[in-house]
PDB file of N, CA and C in Angstrom:
ATOM      1  N   MET A   1      34.970 -28.771 -11.387  1.00  0.00           N
ATOM      2  CA  MET A   1      34.148 -27.691 -11.934  1.00  0.00           C
ATOM      3  C   MET A   1      33.395 -26.954 -10.561  1.00  0.00           C
ATOM      4  N   ILE A   2      33.397 -25.789 -10.734  1.00  0.00           N
ATOM      5  CA  ILE A   2      32.721 -25.035  -9.452  1.00  0.00           C
ATOM      6  C   ILE A   2      31.355 -24.360  -9.731  1.00  0.00           C
ATOM      7  N   HIS A   3      30.491 -24.936  -9.115  1.00  0.00           N
ATOM      8  CA  HIS A   3      29.266 -24.608  -9.164  1.00  0.00           C
ATOM      9  C   HIS A   3      28.944 -23.207  -8.522  1.00  0.00           C
ATOM     10  N   THR A   4      28.194 -22.420  -9.268  1.00  0.00           N
ATOM     11  CA  THR A   4      27.838 -20.859  -8.617  1.00  0.00           C
ATOM     12  C   THR A   4      26.376 -20.856  -8.349  1.00  0.00           C
ATOM     13  N   THR A   5      26.166 -20.109  -7.410  1.00  0.00           N
ATOM     14  CA  THR A   5      24.880 -19.804  -7.111  1.00  0.00           C
ATOM     15  C   THR A   5      24.462 -18.337  -7.073  1.00  0.00           C
ATOM     16  N   THR A   6      23.709 -17.917  -7.703  1.00  0.00           N
ATOM     17  CA  THR A   6      22.998 -16.641  -7.684  1.00  0.00           C
ATOM     18  C   THR A   6      22.093 -16.188  -6.728  1.00  0.00           C
ATOM     19  N   ILE A   7      22.386 -15.286  -5.926  1.00  0.00           N
ATOM     20  CA  ILE A   7      21.454 -15.109  -4.648  1.00  0.00           C
ATOM     21  C   ILE A   7      21.132 -13.465  -5.158  1.00  0.00           C
ATOM     22  N   THR A   8      19.699 -13.478  -5.187  1.00  0.00           N
ATOM     23  CA  THR A   8      18.871 -12.027  -5.312  1.00  0.00           C
ATOM     24  C   THR A   8      18.513 -11.541  -3.785  1.00  0.00           C
ATOM     25  N   THR A   9      19.272 -10.290  -3.602  1.00  0.00           N
ATOM     26  CA  THR A   9      18.846  -9.738  -2.459  1.00  0.00           C
ATOM     27  C   THR A   9      18.266  -8.576  -2.531  1.00  0.00           C
ATOM     28  N   THR A  10      17.178  -8.146  -1.632  1.00  0.00           N
ATOM     29  CA  THR A  10      16.385  -7.046  -1.910  1.00  0.00           C
ATOM     30  C   THR A  10      16.627  -6.306  -0.701  1.00  0.00           C
ATOM     31  N   LYS A  11      16.660  -5.015  -0.735  1.00  0.00           N
ATOM     32  CA  LYS A  11      16.693  -4.081   0.741  1.00  0.00           C
ATOM     33  C   LYS A  11      15.360  -4.086   1.430  1.00  0.00           C
ATOM     34  N   SER A  12      15.667  -4.513   2.597  1.00  0.00           N
ATOM     35  CA  SER A  12      14.495  -4.526   3.719  1.00  0.00           C
ATOM     36  C   SER A  12      14.125  -2.791   3.943  1.00  0.00           C
ATOM     37  N   LEU A  13      13.005  -2.871   3.653  1.00  0.00           N
ATOM     38  CA  LEU A  13      12.405  -1.402   4.034  1.00  0.00           C
ATOM     39  C   LEU A  13      11.889  -1.019   5.275  1.00  0.00           C
ATOM     40  N   SER A  14      12.042  -0.250   6.180  1.00  0.00           N
ATOM     41  CA  SER A  14      11.235   0.050   7.401  1.00  0.00           C
ATOM     42  C   SER A  14       9.858   0.914   7.145  1.00  0.00           C
ATOM     43  N   PRO A  15       8.938  -0.084   7.955  1.00  0.00           N
ATOM     44  CA  PRO A  15       7.411   0.449   7.863  1.00  0.00           C
ATOM     45  C   PRO A  15       7.470   1.998   8.343  1.00  0.00           C
ATOM     46  N   LEU A  16       6.391   2.697   7.611  1.00  0.00           N
ATOM     47  CA  LEU A  16       6.255   3.920   7.974  1.00  0.00           C
ATOM     48  C   LEU A  16       4.746   3.707   9.013  1.00  0.00           C
ATOM     49  N   THR A  17       4.827   4.668   9.802  1.00  0.00           N
ATOM     50  CA  THR A  17       3.841   4.934  10.742  1.00  0.00           C
ATOM     51  C   THR A  17       2.791   6.211  10.449  1.00  0.00           C
ATOM     52  N   LEU A  18       1.567   6.124  10.090  1.00  0.00           N
ATOM     53  CA  LEU A  18       0.960   7.017   9.707  1.00  0.00           C
ATOM     54  C   LEU A  18      -0.306   7.109  10.632  1.00  0.00           C
ATOM     55  N   GLY A  19      -0.456   7.690  11.688  1.00  0.00           N
ATOM     56  CA  GLY A  19      -1.778   7.481  12.743  1.00  0.00           C
ATOM     57  C   GLY A  19      -1.508   6.156  13.228  1.00  0.00           C
ATOM     58  N   LYS A  20      -2.628   5.297  13.335  1.00  0.00           N
ATOM     59  CA  LYS A  20      -2.527   4.064  13.798  1.00  0.00           C
ATOM     60  C   LYS A  20      -2.371   3.047  12.661  1.00  0.00           C
ATOM     61  N   TYR A  21      -1.935   3.362  11.522  1.00  0.00           N
ATOM     62  CA  TYR A  21      -1.635   2.620  10.164  1.00  0.00           C
ATOM     63  C   TYR A  21       0.038   2.559  10.383  1.00  0.00           C
ATOM     64  N   ARG A  22       0.430   1.212   9.827  1.00  0.00           N
ATOM     65  CA  ARG A  22       1.740   0.937   9.417  1.00  0.00           C
ATOM     66  C   ARG A  22       1.733   0.565   8.017  1.00  0.00           C
ATOM     67  N   ILE A  23       2.650   1.313   7.437  1.00  0.00           N
ATOM     68  CA  ILE A  23       2.412   1.127   5.767  1.00  0.00           C
ATOM     69  C   ILE A  23       4.115   0.330   5.505  1.00  0.00           C
ATOM     70  N   ALA A  24       3.937  -0.584   4.824  1.00  0.00           N
ATOM     71  CA  ALA A  24       5.262  -1.184   4.367  1.00  0.00           C
ATOM     72  C   ALA A  24       5.322  -1.352   2.991  1.00  0.00           C
ATOM     73  N   ALA A  25       6.279  -1.207   2.119  1.00  0.00           N
ATOM     74  CA  ALA A  25       6.439  -1.173   0.777  1.00  0.00           C
ATOM     75  C   ALA A  25       6.989  -2.650   0.897  1.00  0.00           C
ATOM     76  N   CYS A  26       6.515  -3.449   0.118  1.00  0.00           N
ATOM     77  CA  CYS A  26       7.278  -4.927  -0.219  1.00  0.00           C
ATOM     78  C   CYS A  26       7.005  -5.216  -1.663  1.00  0.00           C
ATOM     79  N   PRO A  27       7.988  -4.637  -2.753  1.00  0.00           N
ATOM     80  CA  PRO A  27       8.301  -4.733  -3.933  1.00  0.00           C
ATOM     81  C   PRO A  27       8.688  -6.176  -4.357  1.00  0.00           C
ATOM     82  N   ARG A  28       8.241  -6.774  -5.295  1.00  0.00           N
ATOM     83  CA  ARG A  28       8.947  -8.107  -5.347  1.00  0.00           C
ATOM     84  C   ARG A  28       9.338  -8.330  -7.132  1.00  0.00           C
ATOM     85  N   PRO A  29      10.286  -9.082  -7.079  1.00  0.00           N
ATOM     86  CA  PRO A  29      10.979  -9.195  -8.626  1.00  0.00           C
ATOM     87  C   PRO A  29      10.196  -9.854  -9.458  1.00  0.00           C
ATOM     88  N   LEU A  30       9.980  -9.274 -10.578  1.00  0.00           N
ATOM     89  CA  LEU A  30       9.189 -10.382 -11.945  1.00  0.00           C
ATOM     90  C   LEU A  30      10.302 -10.903 -12.681  1.00  0.00           C
ATOM     91  N   PRO A  31       9.764 -12.034 -13.174  1.00  0.00           N
ATOM     92  CA  PRO A  31      10.718 -12.957 -14.334  1.00  0.00           C
ATOM     93  C   PRO A  31      11.602 -12.096 -15.106  1.00  0.00           C
ATOM     94  N   CYS A  32      11.099 -11.004 -15.582  1.00  0.00           N
ATOM     95  CA  CYS A  32      11.573 -10.055 -16.673  1.00  0.00           C
ATOM     96  C   CYS A  32      12.563  -9.463 -16.060  1.00  0.00           C
ATOM     97  N   GLY A  33      12.899  -9.464 -14.966  1.00  0.00           N
ATOM     98  CA  GLY A  33      13.968  -8.231 -14.287  1.00  0.00           C
ATOM     99  C   GLY A  33      13.471  -7.080 -13.811  1.00  0.00           C
ATOM    100  N   ARG A  34      12.187  -7.116 -14.085  1.00  0.00           N
ATOM    101  CA  ARG A  34      11.473  -5.482 -13.529  1.00  0.00           C
ATOM    102  C   ARG A  34      10.853  -5.929 -12.198  1.00  0.00           C
ATOM    103  N   PHE A  35      10.188  -4.806 -11.583  1.00  0.00           N
ATOM    104  CA  PHE A  35       9.572  -5.049 -10.274  1.00  0.00           C
ATOM    105  C   PHE A  35       8.162  -4.761 -10.074  1.00  0.00           C
ATOM    106  N   ALA A  36       7.468  -5.538  -9.423  1.00  0.00           N
ATOM    107  CA  ALA A  36       6.069  -4.993  -9.293  1.00  0.00           C
ATOM    108  C   ALA A  36       5.886  -4.386  -7.777  1.00  0.00           C
ATOM    109  N   ALA A  37       4.998  -3.588  -7.558  1.00  0.00           N
ATOM    110  CA  ALA A  37       4.628  -2.919  -6.425  1.00  0.00           C
ATOM    111  C   ALA A  37       3.914  -3.411  -5.407  1.00  0.00           C
ATOM    112  N   GLN A  38       3.942  -3.455  -4.189  1.00  0.00           N
ATOM    113  CA  GLN A  38       2.908  -3.965  -3.246  1.00  0.00           C
ATOM    114  C   GLN A  38       3.366  -3.339  -1.997  1.00  0.00           C
ATOM    115  N   VAL A  39       2.081  -3.098  -1.535  1.00  0.00           N
ATOM    116  CA  VAL A  39       2.195  -2.420  -0.037  1.00  0.00           C
ATOM    117  C   VAL A  39       1.343  -3.146   0.915  1.00  0.00           C
ATOM    118  N   SER A  40       1.666  -3.144   2.156  1.00  0.00           N
ATOM    119  CA  SER A  40       0.943  -3.592   3.281  1.00  0.00           C
ATOM    120  C   SER A  40       0.594  -2.484   4.311  1.00  0.00           C
ATOM    121  N   ILE A  41      -0.718  -2.680   4.533  1.00  0.00           N
ATOM    122  CA  ILE A  41      -1.246  -1.532   5.511  1.00  0.00           C
ATOM    123  C   ILE A  41      -1.902  -2.415   6.528  1.00  0.00           C
ATOM    124  N   ALA A  42      -1.237  -2.118   7.829  1.00  0.00           N
ATOM    125  CA  ALA A  42      -1.668  -2.958   9.173  1.00  0.00           C
ATOM    126  C   ALA A  42      -1.940  -1.870  10.056  1.00  0.00           C
ATOM    127  N   SER A  43      -3.034  -2.270  11.064  1.00  0.00           N
ATOM    128  CA  SER A  43      -3.397  -1.448  12.131  1.00  0.00           C
ATOM    129  C   SER A  43      -3.889  -2.285  13.056  1.00  0.00           C
ATOM    130  N   GLY A  44      -3.939  -1.821  14.453  1.00  0.00           N
ATOM    131  CA  GLY A  44      -4.175  -2.756  15.530  1.00  0.00           C
ATOM    132  C   GLY A  44      -3.349  -3.610  15.909  1.00  0.00           C
ATOM    133  N   ARG A  45      -3.182  -4.374  17.155  1.00  0.00           N
ATOM    134  CA  ARG A  45      -1.997  -5.384  17.594  1.00  0.00           C
ATOM    135  C   ARG A  45      -2.830  -6.512  18.024  1.00  0.00           C
ATOM    136  N   GLY A  46      -1.972  -7.485  18.207  1.00  0.00           N
ATOM    137  CA  GLY A  46      -2.371  -8.737  18.363  1.00  0.00           C
ATOM    138  C   GLY A  46      -3.540  -9.402  17.766  1.00  0.00           C
ATOM    139  N   SER A  47      -4.363 -10.114  18.532  1.00  0.00           N
ATOM    140  CA  SER A  47      -5.585 -10.440  17.698  1.00  0.00           C
ATOM    141  C   SER A  47      -6.701  -9.559  17.335  1.00  0.00           C
ATOM    142  N   ALA A  48      -6.436  -8.250  17.445  1.00  0.00           N
ATOM    143  CA  ALA A  48      -7.273  -7.396  17.111  1.00  0.00           C
ATOM    144  C   ALA A  48      -6.579  -6.480  15.779  1.00  0.00           C
ATOM    145  N   SER A  49      -5.644  -7.169  15.436  1.00  0.00           N
ATOM    146  CA  SER A  49      -4.934  -6.457  14.410  1.00  0.00           C
ATOM    147  C   SER A  49      -5.585  -6.891  12.938  1.00  0.00           C
ATOM    148  N   THR A  50      -5.666  -6.120  11.949  1.00  0.00           N
ATOM    149  CA  THR A  50      -5.846  -6.321  10.454  1.00  0.00           C
ATOM    150  C   THR A  50      -4.838  -5.951   9.544  1.00  0.00           C
ATOM    151  N   ALA A  51      -4.866  -6.358   8.456  1.00  0.00           N
ATOM    152  CA  ALA A  51      -3.660  -6.153   7.361  1.00  0.00           C
ATOM    153  C   ALA A  51      -4.269  -6.099   6.016  1.00  0.00           C
ATOM    154  N   ARG A  52      -3.938  -5.365   5.324  1.00  0.00           N
ATOM    155  CA  ARG A  52      -4.530  -5.556   3.812  1.00  0.00           C
ATOM    156  C   ARG A  52      -3.116  -5.425   2.814  1.00  0.00           C
ATOM    157  N   VAL A  53      -3.158  -6.120   1.911  1.00  0.00           N
ATOM    158  CA  VAL A  53      -2.090  -5.974   0.876  1.00  0.00           C
ATOM    159  C   VAL A  53      -2.528  -5.407  -0.492  1.00  0.00           C
ATOM    160  N   MET A  54      -1.943  -4.554  -1.072  1.00  0.00           N
ATOM    161  CA  MET A  54      -2.584  -4.238  -2.356  1.00  0.00           C
ATOM    162  C   MET A  54      -1.123  -4.232  -3.212  1.00  0.00           C
ATOM    163  N   ARG A  55      -1.814  -5.245  -4.564  1.00  0.00           N
ATOM    164  CA  ARG A  55      -0.685  -4.940  -5.534  1.00  0.00           C
ATOM    165  C   ARG A  55      -1.204  -4.169  -6.804  1.00  0.00           C
ATOM    166  N   PHE A  56      -0.171  -3.725  -7.318  1.00  0.00           N
ATOM    167  CA  PHE A  56      -0.646  -3.040  -8.389  1.00  0.00           C
ATOM    168  C   PHE A  56       0.145  -3.379  -9.678  1.00  0.00           C
ATOM    169  N   VAL A  57      -0.776  -2.957 -10.988  1.00  0.00           N
ATOM    170  CA  VAL A  57      -0.409  -3.523 -12.218  1.00  0.00           C
ATOM    171  C   VAL A  57       0.717  -2.876 -12.902  1.00  0.00           C
ATOM    172  N   ASP A  58       1.061  -1.798 -12.659  1.00  0.00           N
ATOM    173  CA  ASP A  58       2.315  -1.225 -13.049  1.00  0.00           C
ATOM    174  C   ASP A  58       3.475  -1.936 -12.722  1.00  0.00           C
ATOM    175  N   ASP A  59       4.627  -2.079 -13.787  1.00  0.00           N
ATOM    176  CA  ASP A  59       5.835  -2.565 -13.029  1.00  0.00           C
ATOM    177  C   ASP A  59       7.042  -1.570 -13.127  1.00  0.00           C
ATOM    178  N   PHE A  60       7.866  -1.732 -12.532  1.00  0.00           N
ATOM    179  CA  PHE A  60       9.331  -0.773 -12.525  1.00  0.00           C
ATOM    180  C   PHE A  60      10.393  -1.195 -12.683  1.00  0.00           C
ATOM    181  N   SER A  61      11.121  -0.187 -13.205  1.00  0.00           N
ATOM    182  CA  SER A  61      12.337  -0.657 -13.585  1.00  0.00           C
ATOM    183  C   SER A  61      13.473  -0.990 -12.332  1.00  0.00           C
ATOM    184  N   THR A  62      13.125  -0.438 -11.273  1.00  0.00           N
ATOM    185  CA  THR A  62      13.967  -0.829 -10.174  1.00  0.00           C
ATOM    186  C   THR A  62      13.327  -1.113  -8.695  1.00  0.00           C
ATOM    187  N   HIS A  63      13.791  -1.479  -7.877  1.00  0.00           N
ATOM    188  CA  HIS A  63      13.196  -1.897  -6.288  1.00  0.00           C
ATOM    189  C   HIS A  63      12.952  -0.569  -6.070  1.00  0.00           C
ATOM    190  N   ASP A  64      13.695   0.341  -5.809  1.00  0.00           N
ATOM    191  CA  ASP A  64      13.438   1.733  -4.988  1.00  0.00           C
ATOM    192  C   ASP A  64      12.049   2.345  -5.690  1.00  0.00           C
ATOM    193  N   ALA A  65      11.915   2.397  -7.117  1.00  0.00           N
ATOM    194  CA  ALA A  65      10.996   2.850  -7.858  1.00  0.00           C
ATOM    195  C   ALA A  65       9.857   2.219  -7.188  1.00  0.00           C
ATOM    196  N   ALA A  66       9.723   0.857  -7.469  1.00  0.00           N
ATOM    197  CA  ALA A  66       8.648   0.170  -6.943  1.00  0.00           C
ATOM    198  C   ALA A  66       7.973   0.472  -5.608  1.00  0.00           C
ATOM    199  N   ALA A  67       9.124   0.456  -4.507  1.00  0.00           N
ATOM    200  CA  ALA A  67       8.794   0.798  -3.285  1.00  0.00           C
ATOM    201  C   ALA A  67       8.359   2.211  -3.149  1.00  0.00           C
ATOM    202  N   LYS A  68       8.993   3.185  -3.903  1.00  0.00           N
ATOM    203  CA  LYS A  68       8.219   4.665  -3.514  1.00  0.00           C
ATOM    204  C   LYS A  68       6.852   4.601  -3.807  1.00  0.00           C
ATOM    205  N   TYR A  69       6.667   4.082  -5.187  1.00  0.00           N
ATOM    206  CA  TYR A  69       5.105   4.026  -5.693  1.00  0.00           C
ATOM    207  C   TYR A  69       4.132   3.435  -4.718  1.00  0.00           C
ATOM    208  N   ALA A  70       4.755   2.201  -3.948  1.00  0.00           N
ATOM    209  CA  ALA A  70       3.846   1.306  -3.122  1.00  0.00           C
ATOM    210  C   ALA A  70       3.548   2.338  -1.841  1.00  0.00           C
ATOM    211  N   VAL A  71       4.517   2.820  -1.415  1.00  0.00           N
ATOM    212  CA  VAL A  71       4.450   3.918  -0.253  1.00  0.00           C
ATOM    213  C   VAL A  71       3.516   4.880  -0.491  1.00  0.00           C
ATOM    214  N   ALA A  72       3.629   5.637  -1.690  1.00  0.00           N
ATOM    215  CA  ALA A  72       2.744   6.765  -1.816  1.00  0.00           C
ATOM    216  C   ALA A  72       1.281   6.314  -1.860  1.00  0.00           C
ATOM    217  N   GLN A  73       1.081   5.380  -2.742  1.00  0.00           N
ATOM    218  CA  GLN A  73      -0.408   4.662  -2.796  1.00  0.00           C
ATOM    219  C   GLN A  73      -0.650   4.301  -1.318  1.00  0.00           C
ATOM    220  N   GLY A  74      -0.010   3.750  -0.447  1.00  0.00           N
ATOM    221  CA  GLY A  74      -0.413   3.551   0.851  1.00  0.00           C
ATOM    222  C   GLY A  74      -0.771   4.734   1.790  1.00  0.00           C
ATOM    223  N   ILE A  75       0.196   5.668   1.585  1.00  0.00           N
ATOM    224  CA  ILE A  75      -0.075   6.865   2.099  1.00  0.00           C
ATOM    225  C   ILE A  75      -1.727   7.543   1.657  1.00  0.00           C
ATOM    226  N   ASP A  76      -1.755   7.577   0.341  1.00  0.00           N
ATOM    227  CA  ASP A  76      -2.939   8.128  -0.301  1.00  0.00           C
ATOM    228  C   ASP A  76      -4.291   7.249   0.383  1.00  0.00           C
ATOM    229  N   TRP A  77      -4.276   5.950   0.374  1.00  0.00           N
ATOM    230  CA  TRP A  77      -5.342   5.075   1.301  1.00  0.00           C
ATOM    231  C   TRP A  77      -5.484   5.459   2.594  1.00  0.00           C
ATOM    232  N   VAL A  78      -4.537   5.588   3.204  1.00  0.00           N
ATOM    233  CA  VAL A  78      -4.452   5.857   4.498  1.00  0.00           C
ATOM    234  C   VAL A  78      -5.174   7.489   4.822  1.00  0.00           C
ATOM    235  N   ASN A  79      -4.668   8.321   4.206  1.00  0.00           N
ATOM    236  CA  ASN A  79      -5.365   9.796   4.161  1.00  0.00           C
ATOM    237  C   ASN A  79      -6.768   9.710   3.760  1.00  0.00           C
ATOM    238  N   ASP A  80      -7.126   9.051   2.795  1.00  0.00           N
ATOM    239  CA  ASP A  80      -8.789   8.868   2.319  1.00  0.00           C
ATOM    240  C   ASP A  80      -9.417   8.248   3.501  1.00  0.00           C
ATOM    241  N   THR A  81      -8.762   7.285   4.226  1.00  0.00           N
ATOM    242  CA  THR A  81      -9.433   6.717   5.171  1.00  0.00           C
ATOM    243  C   THR A  81      -9.658   7.577   6.344  1.00  0.00           C
ATOM    244  N   LEU A  82      -8.655   8.167   6.557  1.00  0.00           N
ATOM    245  CA  LEU A  82      -8.815   9.212   7.830  1.00  0.00           C
ATOM    246  C   LEU A  82      -9.765  10.300   7.456  1.00  0.00           C
ATOM    247  N   ARG A  83      -9.786  10.652   6.392  1.00  0.00           N
ATOM    248  CA  ARG A  83     -10.733  11.627   5.882  1.00  0.00           C
ATOM    249  C   ARG A  83     -12.107  11.164   5.939  1.00  0.00           C
ATOM    250  N   THR A  84     -12.405  10.199   5.622  1.00  0.00           N
ATOM    251  CA  THR A  84     -13.839   9.506   5.582  1.00  0.00           C
ATOM    252  C   THR A  84     -14.198   9.303   6.880  1.00  0.00           C
ATOM    253  N   HIS A  85     -13.357   8.814   8.152  1.00  0.00           N
ATOM    254  CA  HIS A  85     -13.652   8.500   9.340  1.00  0.00           C
ATOM    255  C   HIS A  85     -13.824   9.691  10.357  1.00  0.00           C
ATOM    256  N   ALA A  86     -13.205  10.793   9.728  1.00  0.00           N
ATOM    257  CA  ALA A  86     -13.174  12.278  10.276  1.00  0.00           C
ATOM    258  C   ALA A  86     -14.439  12.897  10.251  1.00  0.00           C
ATOM    259  N   ARG A  87     -14.995  12.555   9.155  1.00  0.00           N
ATOM    260  CA  ARG A  87     -16.585  13.277   8.610  1.00  0.00           C
ATOM    261  C   ARG A  87     -17.394  11.989   8.206  1.00  0.00           C
ATOM    262  N   PRO A  88     -17.790  11.170   9.225  1.00  0.00           N
ATOM    263  CA  PRO A  88     -18.692   9.851   8.632  1.00  0.00           C
ATOM    264  C   PRO A  88     -20.036  10.263   8.371  1.00  0.00           C
ATOM    265  N   ASN A  89     -20.360  11.365   8.994  1.00  0.00           N
ATOM    266  CA  ASN A  89     -21.896  11.965   8.411  1.00  0.00           C
ATOM    267  C   ASN A  89     -21.924  12.550   7.294  1.00  0.00           C
ATOM    268  N   LEU A  90     -20.749  13.265   6.580  1.00  0.00           N
ATOM    269  CA  LEU A  90     -20.829  13.949   5.504  1.00  0.00           C
ATOM    270  C   LEU A  90     -22.018  13.568   4.294  1.00  0.00           C
ATOM    271  N   ALA A  91     -22.335  12.358   4.005  1.00  0.00           N
ATOM    272  CA  ALA A  91     -23.231  12.030   3.273  1.00  0.00           C
ATOM    273  C   ALA A  91     -24.661  12.189   3.663  1.00  0.00           C
ATOM    274  N   ALA A  92     -24.864  11.934   5.141  1.00  0.00           N
ATOM    275  CA  ALA A  92     -26.003  12.510   5.676  1.00  0.00           C
ATOM    276  C   ALA A  92     -26.304  13.850   5.535  1.00  0.00           C
ATOM    277  N   GLN A  93     -25.440  14.521   5.574  1.00  0.00           N
ATOM    278  CA  GLN A  93     -25.703  16.361   5.629  1.00  0.00           C
ATOM    279  C   GLN A  93     -25.985  16.705   4.390  1.00  0.00           C
ATOM    280  N   VAL A  94     -25.833  16.096   3.068  1.00  0.00           N
ATOM    281  CA  VAL A  94     -25.990  16.431   1.949  1.00  0.00           C
ATOM    282  C   VAL A  94     -27.105  16.251   1.191  1.00  0.00           C
ATOM    283  N   PRO A  95     -27.889  17.271   1.158  1.00  0.00           N
ATOM    284  CA  PRO A  95     -29.538  16.607   0.787  1.00  0.00           C
ATOM    285  C   PRO A  95     -29.549  16.057  -0.546  1.00  0.00           C
ATOM    286  N   SER A  96     -30.431  15.211  -0.806  1.00  0.00           N
ATOM    287  CA  SER A  96     -30.690  14.244  -1.960  1.00  0.00           C
ATOM    288  C   SER A  96     -31.099  15.325  -2.899  1.00  0.00           C
ATOM    289  N   PRO A  97     -30.672  15.234  -4.061  1.00  0.00           N
ATOM    290  CA  PRO A  97     -31.271  16.095  -5.096  1.00  0.00           C
ATOM    291  C   PRO A  97     -32.754  15.611  -5.601  1.00  0.00           C
ATOM    292  N   GLN A  98     -33.644  16.593  -5.976  1.00  0.00           N
ATOM    293  CA  GLN A  98     -35.264  16.403  -6.011  1.00  0.00           C
ATOM    294  C   GLN A  98     -35.335  15.702  -7.438  1.00  0.00           C
ATOM    295  N   ILE A  99     -36.025  14.751  -7.691  1.00  0.00           N
ATOM    296  CA  ILE A  99     -36.245  14.106  -8.935  1.00  0.00           C
ATOM    297  C   ILE A  99     -37.591  14.662  -9.534  1.00  0.00           C
ATOM    298  N   CYS A 100     -37.506  15.230 -10.400  1.00  0.00           N
ATOM    299  CA  CYS A 100     -39.033  15.948 -10.879  1.00  0.00           C
ATOM    300  C   CYS A 100     -39.446  15.134 -12.156  1.00  0.00           C
ATOM    301  N   ILE A 101     -40.713  14.596 -12.285  1.00  0.00           N
ATOM    302  CA  ILE A 101     -41.081  13.480 -13.245  1.00  0.00           C
ATOM    303  C   ILE A 101     -42.089  14.076 -14.107  1.00  0.00           C
TER     304      ILE A 101
END
């Protein structure tokens, strides 16, 4: 009898650099045959590095679809973060609404 082994391989995706951030999609296969989207966003180097991993609820029929979604979400997160850091005093510039009782 010849035993067979099934090996599942997934494509390794190159990280995308946006400013000081490295965005890497890391989709993972689900038991049902679909794929979950995950993205890793890292910044800094060595002991000063930070990383966050975001996992998403939606699942996708292909590895590529999950990867594209993850990268898009990572890019959105970085762009929002860069906008916030570019204008940190924006909230202080907007006057508070007057409350009349």
